[in-house]
N, C-alpha and C. Protein backbone atom coordinates (compact mmCIF):
# COMPACT_ATOMS: atom_id res chain seq x y z
N UNK A 1 58.12 98.47 107.74
CA UNK A 1 59.58 98.41 107.64
C UNK A 1 60.13 99.82 107.75
N UNK A 2 61.03 99.99 108.73
CA UNK A 2 61.67 101.35 108.88
C UNK A 2 62.83 101.45 107.95
N UNK A 3 63.08 102.73 107.55
CA UNK A 3 64.21 102.93 106.74
C UNK A 3 65.31 103.62 107.48
N UNK A 4 66.51 103.44 107.04
CA UNK A 4 67.65 104.07 107.78
C UNK A 4 67.69 105.52 107.31
N UNK A 5 68.40 106.39 108.14
CA UNK A 5 68.50 107.76 107.76
C UNK A 5 69.25 107.84 106.42
N UNK A 6 68.66 108.71 105.51
CA UNK A 6 69.28 108.87 104.22
C UNK A 6 68.90 107.95 103.15
N UNK A 7 68.31 106.72 103.57
CA UNK A 7 67.88 105.70 102.62
C UNK A 7 66.80 106.10 101.71
N UNK A 8 65.91 107.00 102.17
CA UNK A 8 64.78 107.34 101.40
C UNK A 8 65.28 108.32 100.18
N UNK A 9 66.34 109.04 100.47
CA UNK A 9 66.90 109.85 99.42
C UNK A 9 67.39 108.94 98.18
N UNK A 10 67.99 107.83 98.46
CA UNK A 10 68.53 106.94 97.38
C UNK A 10 67.33 106.31 96.68
N UNK A 11 66.30 105.98 97.36
CA UNK A 11 65.09 105.42 96.71
C UNK A 11 64.41 106.55 95.77
N UNK A 12 64.39 107.73 96.38
CA UNK A 12 63.66 108.83 95.63
C UNK A 12 64.37 109.19 94.36
N UNK A 13 65.66 109.05 94.31
CA UNK A 13 66.47 109.37 93.09
C UNK A 13 66.71 108.12 92.18
N UNK A 14 66.10 107.10 92.52
CA UNK A 14 66.21 105.83 91.78
C UNK A 14 67.72 105.37 91.77
N UNK A 15 68.42 105.45 92.86
CA UNK A 15 69.78 105.00 92.98
C UNK A 15 69.92 103.59 93.52
N UNK A 16 68.74 102.96 93.88
CA UNK A 16 68.90 101.67 94.44
C UNK A 16 68.44 100.73 93.32
N UNK A 17 69.32 99.75 92.99
CA UNK A 17 68.97 98.81 91.87
C UNK A 17 67.83 97.95 92.26
N UNK A 18 66.98 97.60 91.23
CA UNK A 18 65.84 96.78 91.50
C UNK A 18 66.33 95.33 91.54
N UNK A 19 67.32 94.92 90.77
CA UNK A 19 67.86 93.62 90.79
C UNK A 19 69.25 93.55 91.35
N UNK A 20 69.58 92.53 92.06
CA UNK A 20 70.91 92.36 92.62
C UNK A 20 71.53 91.12 92.12
N UNK A 21 72.68 91.37 91.47
CA UNK A 21 73.39 90.24 90.79
C UNK A 21 74.76 90.03 91.47
N UNK A 22 74.80 90.20 92.77
CA UNK A 22 76.15 90.02 93.48
C UNK A 22 76.38 88.59 93.73
N UNK A 23 77.62 88.23 93.58
CA UNK A 23 78.06 86.88 93.89
C UNK A 23 78.92 86.87 95.16
N UNK A 24 78.69 85.96 95.96
CA UNK A 24 79.54 85.75 97.16
C UNK A 24 80.37 84.63 96.98
N UNK A 25 81.74 84.90 97.00
CA UNK A 25 82.70 83.73 96.77
C UNK A 25 83.59 83.63 97.98
N UNK A 26 84.03 82.43 98.30
CA UNK A 26 84.90 82.18 99.41
C UNK A 26 86.24 82.82 99.12
N UNK A 27 86.71 83.55 100.10
CA UNK A 27 88.10 84.04 99.97
C UNK A 27 89.13 83.02 100.18
N UNK A 28 90.18 82.99 99.37
CA UNK A 28 91.26 82.05 99.58
C UNK A 28 92.58 82.67 99.26
N UNK A 29 93.62 82.02 99.76
CA UNK A 29 94.96 82.58 99.55
C UNK A 29 95.41 82.08 98.17
N UNK A 30 95.92 83.01 97.42
CA UNK A 30 96.44 82.59 96.08
C UNK A 30 97.85 83.04 95.90
N UNK A 31 98.58 82.40 95.09
CA UNK A 31 99.97 82.64 94.79
C UNK A 31 100.00 83.37 93.43
N UNK A 32 99.97 84.78 93.50
CA UNK A 32 99.97 85.46 92.23
C UNK A 32 101.29 86.37 92.22
N UNK A 33 101.31 87.26 91.37
CA UNK A 33 102.52 88.06 91.13
C UNK A 33 102.80 89.00 92.39
N UNK A 34 101.78 89.40 93.09
CA UNK A 34 102.00 90.27 94.27
C UNK A 34 102.59 89.43 95.39
N UNK A 35 102.29 88.16 95.46
CA UNK A 35 102.94 87.25 96.46
C UNK A 35 104.40 87.19 96.21
N UNK A 36 104.84 87.06 94.98
CA UNK A 36 106.27 86.91 94.59
C UNK A 36 106.97 88.21 94.87
N UNK A 37 106.25 89.40 94.49
CA UNK A 37 106.89 90.65 94.76
C UNK A 37 107.08 90.90 96.25
N UNK A 38 106.09 90.50 97.06
CA UNK A 38 106.26 90.71 98.54
C UNK A 38 107.42 89.87 99.03
N UNK A 39 107.56 88.65 98.53
CA UNK A 39 108.70 87.81 98.97
C UNK A 39 110.00 88.41 98.54
N UNK A 40 110.05 88.90 97.28
CA UNK A 40 111.26 89.61 96.79
C UNK A 40 111.69 90.83 97.64
N UNK A 41 110.68 91.66 97.97
CA UNK A 41 111.01 92.79 98.70
C UNK A 41 111.26 92.55 100.23
N UNK A 42 110.74 91.43 100.72
CA UNK A 42 111.12 91.00 102.05
C UNK A 42 112.57 90.56 102.09
N UNK A 43 112.99 89.85 101.10
CA UNK A 43 114.37 89.48 100.89
C UNK A 43 115.28 90.67 100.80
N UNK A 44 114.93 91.67 99.99
CA UNK A 44 115.71 92.87 99.85
C UNK A 44 115.75 93.67 101.23
N UNK A 45 114.67 93.71 101.96
CA UNK A 45 114.71 94.36 103.20
C UNK A 45 115.65 93.66 104.19
N UNK A 46 115.55 92.31 104.19
CA UNK A 46 116.49 91.56 105.06
C UNK A 46 117.91 91.81 104.71
N UNK A 47 118.23 91.91 103.43
CA UNK A 47 119.53 92.18 102.92
C UNK A 47 120.08 93.56 103.47
N UNK A 48 119.23 94.50 103.34
CA UNK A 48 119.56 95.88 103.77
C UNK A 48 119.68 95.99 105.25
N UNK A 49 118.93 95.25 106.02
CA UNK A 49 119.11 95.20 107.48
C UNK A 49 120.44 94.55 107.83
N UNK A 50 120.67 93.45 107.14
CA UNK A 50 121.98 92.74 107.40
C UNK A 50 123.16 93.66 107.13
N UNK A 51 123.10 94.35 105.99
CA UNK A 51 124.14 95.33 105.60
C UNK A 51 124.28 96.42 106.62
N UNK A 52 123.21 96.94 107.09
CA UNK A 52 123.24 98.06 108.10
C UNK A 52 123.92 97.55 109.31
N UNK A 53 123.64 96.39 109.75
CA UNK A 53 124.22 95.84 110.99
C UNK A 53 125.71 95.56 110.81
N UNK A 54 126.10 94.99 109.66
CA UNK A 54 127.47 94.59 109.39
C UNK A 54 128.40 95.76 109.17
N UNK A 55 127.83 96.87 108.73
CA UNK A 55 128.77 98.05 108.38
C UNK A 55 128.73 99.07 109.49
N UNK A 56 128.30 98.73 110.65
CA UNK A 56 128.41 99.65 111.80
C UNK A 56 127.26 100.69 111.87
N UNK A 57 126.14 100.30 111.36
CA UNK A 57 125.00 101.19 111.49
C UNK A 57 124.51 101.63 112.87
N UNK A 58 124.39 100.68 113.78
CA UNK A 58 123.99 101.01 115.18
C UNK A 58 125.00 101.99 115.89
N UNK A 59 126.29 101.75 115.65
CA UNK A 59 127.32 102.65 116.27
C UNK A 59 127.23 104.01 115.61
N UNK A 60 126.96 104.15 114.39
CA UNK A 60 126.92 105.46 113.69
C UNK A 60 125.66 106.16 114.20
N UNK A 61 124.55 105.51 114.50
CA UNK A 61 123.35 106.21 115.06
C UNK A 61 123.62 106.64 116.47
N UNK A 62 124.34 105.82 117.25
CA UNK A 62 124.71 106.27 118.63
C UNK A 62 125.56 107.48 118.61
N UNK A 63 126.53 107.53 117.62
CA UNK A 63 127.43 108.62 117.49
C UNK A 63 126.72 109.89 117.12
N UNK A 64 125.76 109.75 116.17
CA UNK A 64 124.90 110.90 115.80
C UNK A 64 124.07 111.45 116.88
N UNK A 65 123.72 110.72 117.95
CA UNK A 65 122.89 111.15 118.95
C UNK A 65 123.77 111.85 120.02
N UNK A 66 125.03 111.83 119.97
CA UNK A 66 125.92 112.58 120.95
C UNK A 66 126.13 113.97 120.45
N UNK A 67 126.35 114.91 121.43
CA UNK A 67 126.72 116.24 120.97
C UNK A 67 128.07 116.28 120.31
N UNK A 68 128.27 117.23 119.39
CA UNK A 68 129.72 117.30 118.77
C UNK A 68 130.70 117.72 119.83
N UNK A 69 131.93 117.39 119.49
CA UNK A 69 133.03 117.91 120.39
C UNK A 69 133.16 119.43 120.41
N UNK A 70 133.67 120.01 121.51
CA UNK A 70 133.68 121.48 121.65
C UNK A 70 134.58 122.15 120.59
N UNK A 71 135.68 121.49 120.16
CA UNK A 71 136.56 122.12 119.21
C UNK A 71 135.97 122.13 117.78
N UNK A 72 134.90 121.48 117.56
CA UNK A 72 134.30 121.44 116.19
C UNK A 72 133.54 122.67 115.88
N UNK A 73 133.31 123.68 116.87
CA UNK A 73 132.59 124.86 116.55
C UNK A 73 133.43 125.89 116.06
């Protein structure tokens, strides 16, 4: 059996466990507190985008992209 590069170092320093007690579980979608936080912040983001659009945000950004009038200097 061939070893991968660097694997012999782990064996030499006894860093490889002799027993493996790993469990493999099926991943599933769960509704926990992070799910509700994600939904709440998506709602907040939608509210802020709506407010930006209703209060003239796109027009303000277009105005900021134009050079200032000559008499403003």
